[in-house]
N, C-alpha and C. Protein backbone atom coordinates (compact mmCIF):
# COMPACT_ATOMS: atom_id res chain seq x y z
N MET A 1 24.77 66.13 108.77
CA MET A 1 24.85 65.39 107.53
C MET A 1 26.32 65.18 107.15
N VAL A 2 26.62 64.00 106.66
CA VAL A 2 27.97 63.63 106.26
C VAL A 2 27.93 63.16 104.81
N THR A 3 28.87 63.63 104.02
CA THR A 3 29.01 63.15 102.64
C THR A 3 29.98 61.99 102.63
N GLY A 4 29.70 61.00 101.81
CA GLY A 4 30.62 59.88 101.63
C GLY A 4 31.50 60.14 100.42
N ILE A 5 32.78 59.82 100.56
CA ILE A 5 33.71 59.91 99.44
C ILE A 5 34.34 58.54 99.26
N LEU A 6 34.04 57.93 98.13
CA LEU A 6 34.56 56.61 97.81
C LEU A 6 35.73 56.79 96.85
N ILE A 7 36.92 56.39 97.28
CA ILE A 7 38.14 56.52 96.47
C ILE A 7 38.30 55.23 95.66
N THR A 8 38.08 55.31 94.34
CA THR A 8 38.18 54.12 93.49
C THR A 8 39.14 54.30 92.33
N GLY A 9 39.80 55.42 92.27
CA GLY A 9 40.54 55.77 91.07
C GLY A 9 41.96 55.27 90.96
N GLY A 10 42.37 54.31 91.75
CA GLY A 10 43.75 53.84 91.69
C GLY A 10 44.09 53.11 90.40
N LYS A 11 45.38 52.95 90.16
CA LYS A 11 45.84 52.30 88.93
C LYS A 11 45.72 50.78 89.00
N SER A 12 45.60 50.22 90.19
CA SER A 12 45.45 48.77 90.38
C SER A 12 46.60 47.98 89.76
N SER A 13 47.80 48.54 89.75
CA SER A 13 48.93 47.89 89.09
C SER A 13 49.31 46.57 89.74
N ARG A 14 49.21 46.45 91.05
CA ARG A 14 49.55 45.19 91.72
C ARG A 14 48.48 44.12 91.51
N MET A 15 47.24 44.55 91.26
CA MET A 15 46.15 43.60 91.06
C MET A 15 46.15 43.07 89.62
N GLY A 16 46.59 43.89 88.69
CA GLY A 16 46.61 43.48 87.29
C GLY A 16 45.32 43.80 86.54
N SER A 17 44.28 44.21 87.26
CA SER A 17 43.02 44.65 86.66
C SER A 17 42.38 45.64 87.64
N ASP A 18 41.34 46.30 87.20
CA ASP A 18 40.68 47.31 88.04
C ASP A 18 40.16 46.65 89.32
N LYS A 19 40.83 46.93 90.43
CA LYS A 19 40.48 46.22 91.67
C LYS A 19 39.10 46.58 92.20
N ALA A 20 38.57 47.71 91.81
CA ALA A 20 37.23 48.08 92.26
C ALA A 20 36.19 47.05 91.81
N PHE A 21 36.46 46.36 90.70
CA PHE A 21 35.53 45.37 90.16
C PHE A 21 35.88 43.93 90.53
N VAL A 22 36.97 43.74 91.25
CA VAL A 22 37.38 42.38 91.63
C VAL A 22 36.37 41.80 92.61
N ASN A 23 35.98 40.55 92.38
CA ASN A 23 35.00 39.89 93.22
C ASN A 23 35.62 39.48 94.55
N TYR A 24 34.94 39.86 95.63
CA TYR A 24 35.34 39.48 96.98
C TYR A 24 34.08 39.01 97.70
N ASN A 25 34.02 37.74 98.01
CA ASN A 25 32.85 37.16 98.70
C ASN A 25 31.53 37.53 98.03
N GLY A 26 31.50 37.45 96.70
CA GLY A 26 30.26 37.63 95.98
C GLY A 26 29.91 39.04 95.54
N LYS A 27 30.76 40.01 95.86
CA LYS A 27 30.50 41.39 95.45
C LYS A 27 31.80 42.02 94.96
N ALA A 28 31.66 43.02 94.11
CA ALA A 28 32.83 43.80 93.70
C ALA A 28 33.37 44.55 94.91
N LEU A 29 34.70 44.68 94.97
CA LEU A 29 35.30 45.40 96.10
C LEU A 29 34.67 46.79 96.29
N GLY A 30 34.47 47.51 95.20
CA GLY A 30 33.88 48.85 95.30
C GLY A 30 32.49 48.84 95.89
N GLN A 31 31.75 47.78 95.65
CA GLN A 31 30.38 47.69 96.16
C GLN A 31 30.37 47.58 97.68
N TRP A 32 31.34 46.85 98.26
CA TRP A 32 31.39 46.73 99.73
C TRP A 32 31.48 48.11 100.39
N SER A 33 32.42 48.93 99.91
CA SER A 33 32.60 50.27 100.50
C SER A 33 31.41 51.17 100.22
N SER A 34 30.86 51.08 99.01
CA SER A 34 29.70 51.89 98.65
C SER A 34 28.50 51.59 99.56
N GLU A 35 28.24 50.31 99.78
CA GLU A 35 27.11 49.93 100.63
C GLU A 35 27.30 50.40 102.07
N LEU A 36 28.53 50.35 102.56
CA LEU A 36 28.79 50.82 103.92
C LEU A 36 28.61 52.34 104.00
N LEU A 37 29.12 53.08 103.04
CA LEU A 37 28.93 54.53 103.03
C LEU A 37 27.45 54.90 102.97
N ASN A 38 26.68 54.15 102.20
CA ASN A 38 25.25 54.44 102.07
C ASN A 38 24.49 54.32 103.38
N LYS A 39 25.01 53.56 104.32
CA LYS A 39 24.36 53.44 105.63
C LYS A 39 24.50 54.71 106.47
N TYR A 40 25.49 55.54 106.16
CA TYR A 40 25.79 56.70 106.99
C TYR A 40 25.71 58.04 106.25
N CYS A 41 25.63 58.00 104.94
CA CYS A 41 25.72 59.22 104.14
C CYS A 41 24.52 59.36 103.21
N ASP A 42 24.00 60.58 103.11
CA ASP A 42 22.89 60.85 102.19
C ASP A 42 23.38 61.03 100.76
N HIS A 43 24.64 61.36 100.60
CA HIS A 43 25.19 61.65 99.28
C HIS A 43 26.58 61.01 99.20
N ILE A 44 26.86 60.33 98.10
CA ILE A 44 28.17 59.70 97.93
C ILE A 44 28.81 60.21 96.65
N ILE A 45 30.04 60.68 96.81
CA ILE A 45 30.87 61.13 95.70
C ILE A 45 31.89 60.03 95.43
N VAL A 46 31.95 59.57 94.19
CA VAL A 46 32.94 58.58 93.80
C VAL A 46 34.10 59.34 93.15
N ALA A 47 35.27 59.26 93.77
CA ALA A 47 36.47 59.92 93.24
C ALA A 47 37.19 58.92 92.35
N SER A 48 37.04 59.13 91.03
CA SER A 48 37.61 58.18 90.07
C SER A 48 37.71 58.82 88.70
N ASN A 49 38.70 58.38 87.95
CA ASN A 49 38.82 58.78 86.55
C ASN A 49 38.15 57.77 85.63
N ASN A 50 37.51 56.74 86.21
CA ASN A 50 36.86 55.70 85.44
C ASN A 50 35.34 55.87 85.54
N PRO A 51 34.67 56.26 84.46
CA PRO A 51 33.22 56.47 84.52
C PRO A 51 32.44 55.20 84.86
N ASP A 52 33.06 54.02 84.70
CA ASP A 52 32.38 52.77 85.06
C ASP A 52 32.17 52.62 86.56
N HIS A 53 32.82 53.46 87.36
CA HIS A 53 32.66 53.42 88.82
C HIS A 53 31.46 54.24 89.29
N ALA A 54 30.81 54.94 88.40
CA ALA A 54 29.74 55.88 88.76
C ALA A 54 28.56 55.22 89.48
N ASN A 55 28.32 53.94 89.23
CA ASN A 55 27.14 53.30 89.82
C ASN A 55 27.27 53.10 91.33
N TRP A 56 28.40 53.39 91.92
CA TRP A 56 28.57 53.22 93.37
C TRP A 56 28.30 54.50 94.15
N GLY A 57 27.84 55.54 93.49
CA GLY A 57 27.57 56.78 94.20
C GLY A 57 26.54 57.63 93.49
N ASP A 58 26.36 58.83 94.01
CA ASP A 58 25.41 59.77 93.44
C ASP A 58 26.03 60.63 92.35
N GLU A 59 27.34 60.81 92.43
CA GLU A 59 28.05 61.54 91.39
C GLU A 59 29.50 61.07 91.37
N ILE A 60 30.14 61.25 90.24
CA ILE A 60 31.53 60.85 90.09
C ILE A 60 32.34 62.10 89.78
N VAL A 61 33.53 62.16 90.33
CA VAL A 61 34.40 63.30 90.08
C VAL A 61 35.80 62.78 89.77
N ALA A 62 36.37 63.29 88.69
CA ALA A 62 37.71 62.89 88.28
C ALA A 62 38.74 63.76 88.98
N ASP A 63 39.95 63.24 89.09
CA ASP A 63 41.05 64.01 89.67
C ASP A 63 41.30 65.26 88.83
N THR A 64 41.45 66.38 89.51
CA THR A 64 41.73 67.63 88.81
C THR A 64 43.08 68.20 89.22
N LEU A 65 43.59 67.76 90.37
CA LEU A 65 44.84 68.29 90.89
C LEU A 65 45.60 67.17 91.57
N GLY A 66 46.82 66.96 91.17
CA GLY A 66 47.64 65.95 91.82
C GLY A 66 47.46 64.57 91.22
N ASP A 67 47.97 63.57 91.96
CA ASP A 67 47.94 62.18 91.52
C ASP A 67 47.85 61.29 92.74
N GLY A 68 47.25 60.14 92.58
CA GLY A 68 47.17 59.18 93.68
C GLY A 68 46.02 59.47 94.62
N PRO A 69 46.03 58.83 95.80
CA PRO A 69 44.93 58.98 96.76
C PRO A 69 44.67 60.43 97.18
N ILE A 70 45.72 61.22 97.29
CA ILE A 70 45.54 62.61 97.70
C ILE A 70 44.71 63.37 96.65
N ALA A 71 44.88 63.03 95.38
CA ALA A 71 44.11 63.67 94.31
C ALA A 71 42.64 63.29 94.42
N GLY A 72 42.36 62.01 94.75
CA GLY A 72 40.99 61.58 94.93
C GLY A 72 40.33 62.26 96.11
N LEU A 73 41.07 62.39 97.21
CA LEU A 73 40.53 63.08 98.38
C LEU A 73 40.25 64.54 98.06
N TYR A 74 41.19 65.19 97.38
CA TYR A 74 41.00 66.59 96.99
C TYR A 74 39.76 66.73 96.09
N ALA A 75 39.63 65.87 95.09
CA ALA A 75 38.49 65.95 94.17
C ALA A 75 37.17 65.76 94.92
N GLY A 76 37.13 64.77 95.82
CA GLY A 76 35.91 64.52 96.57
C GLY A 76 35.54 65.67 97.49
N LEU A 77 36.51 66.16 98.25
CA LEU A 77 36.24 67.28 99.16
C LEU A 77 35.85 68.54 98.40
N SER A 78 36.42 68.73 97.21
CA SER A 78 36.09 69.90 96.39
C SER A 78 34.62 69.90 95.98
N LYS A 79 34.05 68.73 95.78
CA LYS A 79 32.65 68.59 95.36
C LYS A 79 31.68 68.54 96.53
N SER A 80 32.18 68.27 97.72
CA SER A 80 31.32 68.09 98.88
C SER A 80 30.66 69.39 99.32
N ASN A 81 29.42 69.28 99.77
CA ASN A 81 28.69 70.43 100.30
C ASN A 81 28.51 70.35 101.80
N THR A 82 29.16 69.36 102.43
CA THR A 82 29.00 69.20 103.88
C THR A 82 30.32 69.46 104.59
N VAL A 83 30.21 69.75 105.86
CA VAL A 83 31.40 70.01 106.68
C VAL A 83 32.21 68.74 106.87
N TRP A 84 31.53 67.63 107.20
CA TRP A 84 32.21 66.37 107.47
C TRP A 84 32.04 65.39 106.31
N ASN A 85 33.11 64.65 106.03
CA ASN A 85 33.15 63.75 104.90
C ASN A 85 33.78 62.43 105.31
N LEU A 86 33.03 61.37 105.12
CA LEU A 86 33.48 60.03 105.47
C LEU A 86 34.14 59.42 104.23
N VAL A 87 35.41 59.05 104.36
CA VAL A 87 36.20 58.57 103.23
C VAL A 87 36.50 57.09 103.39
N LEU A 88 36.29 56.34 102.31
CA LEU A 88 36.67 54.94 102.26
C LEU A 88 37.29 54.64 100.90
N PRO A 89 38.32 53.81 100.88
CA PRO A 89 38.84 53.34 99.60
C PRO A 89 38.01 52.14 99.14
N CYS A 90 38.15 51.78 97.88
CA CYS A 90 37.37 50.65 97.36
C CYS A 90 37.96 49.31 97.75
N ASP A 91 39.14 49.29 98.36
CA ASP A 91 39.84 48.02 98.58
C ASP A 91 39.90 47.58 100.05
N THR A 92 38.96 48.03 100.86
CA THR A 92 38.91 47.63 102.27
C THR A 92 37.53 47.05 102.61
N PRO A 93 37.21 45.87 102.08
CA PRO A 93 35.86 45.33 102.24
C PRO A 93 35.51 44.86 103.65
N ASN A 94 36.47 44.79 104.54
CA ASN A 94 36.19 44.29 105.89
C ASN A 94 35.96 45.39 106.92
N VAL A 95 35.97 46.65 106.47
CA VAL A 95 35.65 47.74 107.39
C VAL A 95 34.21 47.54 107.85
N SER A 96 34.00 47.64 109.14
CA SER A 96 32.69 47.35 109.71
C SER A 96 31.94 48.63 110.10
N GLU A 97 30.67 48.45 110.41
CA GLU A 97 29.87 49.57 110.91
C GLU A 97 30.45 50.10 112.21
N ALA A 98 31.01 49.22 113.03
CA ALA A 98 31.61 49.65 114.30
C ALA A 98 32.77 50.62 114.06
N VAL A 99 33.55 50.38 113.02
CA VAL A 99 34.66 51.29 112.68
C VAL A 99 34.10 52.66 112.31
N ILE A 100 33.12 52.68 111.43
CA ILE A 100 32.54 53.95 110.98
C ILE A 100 31.92 54.70 112.16
N GLU A 101 31.18 54.00 112.99
CA GLU A 101 30.53 54.66 114.13
C GLU A 101 31.56 55.25 115.10
N LYS A 102 32.65 54.55 115.32
CA LYS A 102 33.69 55.06 116.22
C LYS A 102 34.36 56.30 115.63
N LEU A 103 34.59 56.31 114.32
CA LEU A 103 35.16 57.50 113.67
C LEU A 103 34.21 58.69 113.83
N LEU A 104 32.93 58.46 113.56
CA LEU A 104 31.94 59.54 113.63
C LEU A 104 31.80 60.10 115.05
N GLU A 105 31.86 59.25 116.04
CA GLU A 105 31.69 59.74 117.41
C GLU A 105 32.96 60.35 117.98
N SER A 106 34.07 60.27 117.26
CA SER A 106 35.35 60.78 117.76
C SER A 106 35.76 62.10 117.11
N LYS A 107 34.91 62.71 116.30
CA LYS A 107 35.31 63.86 115.48
C LYS A 107 35.46 65.19 116.22
N ASP A 108 34.83 65.36 117.35
CA ASP A 108 34.85 66.66 118.02
C ASP A 108 36.27 67.10 118.37
N GLY A 109 36.59 68.33 117.96
CA GLY A 109 37.89 68.91 118.26
C GLY A 109 38.98 68.59 117.26
N TYR A 110 38.63 67.90 116.19
CA TYR A 110 39.63 67.50 115.20
C TYR A 110 39.28 68.00 113.80
N ASP A 111 40.30 68.04 112.94
CA ASP A 111 40.12 68.32 111.52
C ASP A 111 39.90 67.02 110.75
N ALA A 112 40.37 65.92 111.34
CA ALA A 112 40.22 64.60 110.73
C ALA A 112 40.29 63.55 111.82
N VAL A 113 39.66 62.42 111.56
CA VAL A 113 39.74 61.26 112.45
C VAL A 113 40.15 60.08 111.56
N VAL A 114 41.25 59.45 111.91
CA VAL A 114 41.85 58.41 111.07
C VAL A 114 41.90 57.08 111.81
N ALA A 115 41.53 56.02 111.11
CA ALA A 115 41.58 54.68 111.69
C ALA A 115 43.03 54.18 111.75
N VAL A 116 43.32 53.45 112.82
CA VAL A 116 44.64 52.85 113.03
C VAL A 116 44.42 51.37 113.31
N ASP A 117 45.19 50.51 112.62
CA ASP A 117 44.96 49.08 112.80
C ASP A 117 45.66 48.53 114.05
N ALA A 118 45.47 47.26 114.29
CA ALA A 118 45.99 46.60 115.50
C ALA A 118 47.51 46.66 115.59
N ASN A 119 48.18 46.85 114.43
CA ASN A 119 49.64 46.94 114.41
C ASN A 119 50.16 48.37 114.49
N GLY A 120 49.25 49.34 114.62
CA GLY A 120 49.64 50.74 114.73
C GLY A 120 49.75 51.47 113.40
N LYS A 121 49.40 50.82 112.30
CA LYS A 121 49.46 51.47 110.99
C LYS A 121 48.25 52.38 110.80
N GLN A 122 48.53 53.61 110.40
CA GLN A 122 47.48 54.58 110.14
C GLN A 122 46.88 54.34 108.75
N HIS A 123 45.58 54.50 108.64
CA HIS A 123 44.86 54.30 107.38
C HIS A 123 44.15 55.61 107.03
N PRO A 124 44.85 56.56 106.40
CA PRO A 124 44.26 57.88 106.15
C PRO A 124 43.12 57.90 105.14
N LEU A 125 42.84 56.76 104.51
CA LEU A 125 41.67 56.69 103.62
C LEU A 125 40.51 55.95 104.26
N VAL A 126 40.66 55.55 105.49
CA VAL A 126 39.52 55.07 106.30
C VAL A 126 39.41 56.13 107.39
N ALA A 127 38.69 57.18 107.05
CA ALA A 127 38.77 58.38 107.88
C ALA A 127 37.58 59.30 107.68
N LEU A 128 37.53 60.27 108.53
CA LEU A 128 36.54 61.33 108.49
C LEU A 128 37.32 62.64 108.37
N TYR A 129 36.99 63.45 107.36
CA TYR A 129 37.71 64.71 107.13
C TYR A 129 36.75 65.89 107.16
N HIS A 130 37.18 66.95 107.86
CA HIS A 130 36.47 68.22 107.83
C HIS A 130 36.81 68.89 106.51
N ARG A 131 35.86 69.52 105.91
CA ARG A 131 36.07 70.14 104.59
C ARG A 131 37.17 71.21 104.62
N GLN A 132 37.43 71.79 105.78
CA GLN A 132 38.44 72.87 105.87
C GLN A 132 39.86 72.38 105.57
N VAL A 133 40.11 71.07 105.56
CA VAL A 133 41.45 70.58 105.24
C VAL A 133 41.75 70.67 103.75
N LEU A 134 40.76 71.03 102.96
CA LEU A 134 40.94 71.17 101.51
C LEU A 134 42.09 72.12 101.18
N GLU A 135 42.19 73.21 101.92
CA GLU A 135 43.25 74.19 101.68
C GLU A 135 44.65 73.59 101.93
N VAL A 136 44.78 72.81 102.99
CA VAL A 136 46.05 72.15 103.29
C VAL A 136 46.38 71.15 102.19
N ILE A 137 45.39 70.39 101.75
CA ILE A 137 45.60 69.39 100.71
C ILE A 137 46.06 70.05 99.42
N SER A 138 45.39 71.10 99.00
CA SER A 138 45.78 71.76 97.75
C SER A 138 47.18 72.35 97.86
N GLY A 139 47.52 72.88 99.02
CA GLY A 139 48.87 73.41 99.22
C GLY A 139 49.94 72.34 99.10
N GLU A 140 49.68 71.17 99.65
CA GLU A 140 50.63 70.06 99.56
C GLU A 140 50.77 69.57 98.12
N ILE A 141 49.66 69.47 97.42
CA ILE A 141 49.69 69.02 96.02
C ILE A 141 50.48 70.02 95.18
N GLU A 142 50.24 71.30 95.40
CA GLU A 142 50.96 72.33 94.64
C GLU A 142 52.46 72.29 94.89
N LYS A 143 52.87 71.84 96.08
CA LYS A 143 54.29 71.69 96.39
C LYS A 143 54.86 70.37 95.88
N GLY A 144 53.99 69.53 95.31
CA GLY A 144 54.44 68.24 94.82
C GLY A 144 54.54 67.18 95.91
N LYS A 145 54.00 67.46 97.07
CA LYS A 145 54.00 66.51 98.19
C LYS A 145 52.69 65.73 98.15
N LEU A 146 52.75 64.50 97.64
CA LEU A 146 51.52 63.74 97.38
C LEU A 146 51.24 62.67 98.42
N ALA A 147 52.07 62.57 99.45
CA ALA A 147 51.85 61.56 100.50
C ALA A 147 50.77 62.04 101.47
N MET A 148 49.81 61.16 101.75
CA MET A 148 48.73 61.49 102.67
C MET A 148 49.26 61.90 104.04
N MET A 149 50.36 61.29 104.47
CA MET A 149 50.91 61.58 105.80
C MET A 149 51.35 63.04 105.94
N ASN A 150 51.72 63.70 104.83
CA ASN A 150 52.08 65.12 104.88
C ASN A 150 50.92 65.97 105.36
N ILE A 151 49.72 65.59 104.95
CA ILE A 151 48.52 66.32 105.36
C ILE A 151 48.28 66.12 106.85
N LEU A 152 48.36 64.87 107.28
CA LEU A 152 48.08 64.56 108.69
C LEU A 152 49.04 65.28 109.63
N ASP A 153 50.25 65.54 109.17
CA ASP A 153 51.23 66.25 109.99
C ASP A 153 50.87 67.71 110.21
N GLN A 154 49.96 68.24 109.38
CA GLN A 154 49.65 69.68 109.44
C GLN A 154 48.29 70.02 110.01
N ILE A 155 47.52 69.02 110.35
CA ILE A 155 46.18 69.28 110.87
C ILE A 155 45.99 68.56 112.21
N GLN A 156 44.91 68.89 112.89
CA GLN A 156 44.58 68.23 114.15
C GLN A 156 43.88 66.91 113.84
N VAL A 157 44.55 65.81 114.15
CA VAL A 157 44.02 64.49 113.82
C VAL A 157 43.76 63.69 115.08
N GLY A 158 42.59 63.10 115.13
CA GLY A 158 42.28 62.12 116.16
C GLY A 158 42.52 60.74 115.56
N PHE A 159 43.32 59.94 116.22
CA PHE A 159 43.60 58.59 115.75
C PHE A 159 42.81 57.60 116.59
N VAL A 160 42.07 56.72 115.93
CA VAL A 160 41.24 55.74 116.61
C VAL A 160 41.79 54.36 116.28
N GLN A 161 42.27 53.67 117.31
CA GLN A 161 42.86 52.36 117.10
C GLN A 161 41.81 51.26 117.24
N PHE A 162 41.91 50.29 116.33
CA PHE A 162 41.01 49.14 116.32
C PHE A 162 41.83 47.88 116.54
N SER A 163 41.38 47.04 117.45
CA SER A 163 42.14 45.86 117.82
C SER A 163 41.78 44.63 116.99
N GLN A 164 40.67 44.67 116.28
CA GLN A 164 40.26 43.52 115.48
C GLN A 164 41.26 43.31 114.34
N GLU A 165 41.71 42.07 114.17
CA GLU A 165 42.63 41.74 113.08
C GLU A 165 41.93 41.87 111.73
N HIS A 166 42.62 42.39 110.76
CA HIS A 166 42.22 42.44 109.35
C HIS A 166 41.05 43.35 109.02
N VAL A 167 40.48 44.05 109.98
CA VAL A 167 39.31 44.89 109.70
C VAL A 167 39.65 46.06 108.77
N LEU A 168 40.91 46.50 108.78
CA LEU A 168 41.32 47.64 107.95
C LEU A 168 42.23 47.23 106.79
N ASP A 169 42.41 45.94 106.58
CA ASP A 169 43.33 45.47 105.54
C ASP A 169 42.89 45.92 104.15
N ASN A 170 43.89 46.37 103.37
CA ASN A 170 43.69 46.69 101.96
C ASN A 170 43.93 45.44 101.14
N ILE A 171 43.18 45.28 100.07
CA ILE A 171 43.41 44.18 99.14
C ILE A 171 43.96 44.80 97.87
N ASN A 172 45.28 44.68 97.68
CA ASN A 172 45.95 45.31 96.56
C ASN A 172 46.46 44.35 95.50
N SER A 173 46.47 43.06 95.81
CA SER A 173 47.02 42.09 94.87
C SER A 173 46.18 40.81 94.89
N LYS A 174 46.40 39.96 93.91
CA LYS A 174 45.69 38.68 93.86
C LYS A 174 46.07 37.81 95.05
N GLN A 175 47.31 37.92 95.50
CA GLN A 175 47.75 37.16 96.67
C GLN A 175 46.98 37.61 97.92
N GLU A 176 46.82 38.91 98.12
CA GLU A 176 46.07 39.42 99.27
C GLU A 176 44.59 39.05 99.16
N LEU A 177 44.08 38.96 97.95
CA LEU A 177 42.69 38.59 97.72
C LEU A 177 42.42 37.18 98.22
N ARG A 178 43.39 36.28 98.02
CA ARG A 178 43.24 34.89 98.49
C ARG A 178 43.23 34.84 100.00
């Protein structure tokens, strides 16, 4: 069993409004990720400080430690009851079932499996995390190190590269939305 963690709690400063609710091809951005997680997870935790995001999962959890994406990951993993946790941000509506399936089948021997796009950019929020990384995450937050890459440097990570263009693209601004 795998728990889904949907990261929706960003400030959306580049978008100008809550990007989780921005319409993309007929659905809210958050809905795209929620529906994909529902195909693979029996339980979905929405990591957000906005209670309006609760309808995309089974429970919502606010950040309790840190700030930014690392805080959302920490909050989600803290609430999870499963060993493996599939993480998606609300702003990657083009992630496909093939991406999720490849992450899931690549987990053996790793603490995390992270998607890498065609240009070699790592996407630590399109990933699968073992619950045991919670200790590393809390340690980094307590040191004030809030970059996701700090965590990846300290754990065993399997990187899975995808050659399809735009499948992992984040939509952070109105320009990117177009």
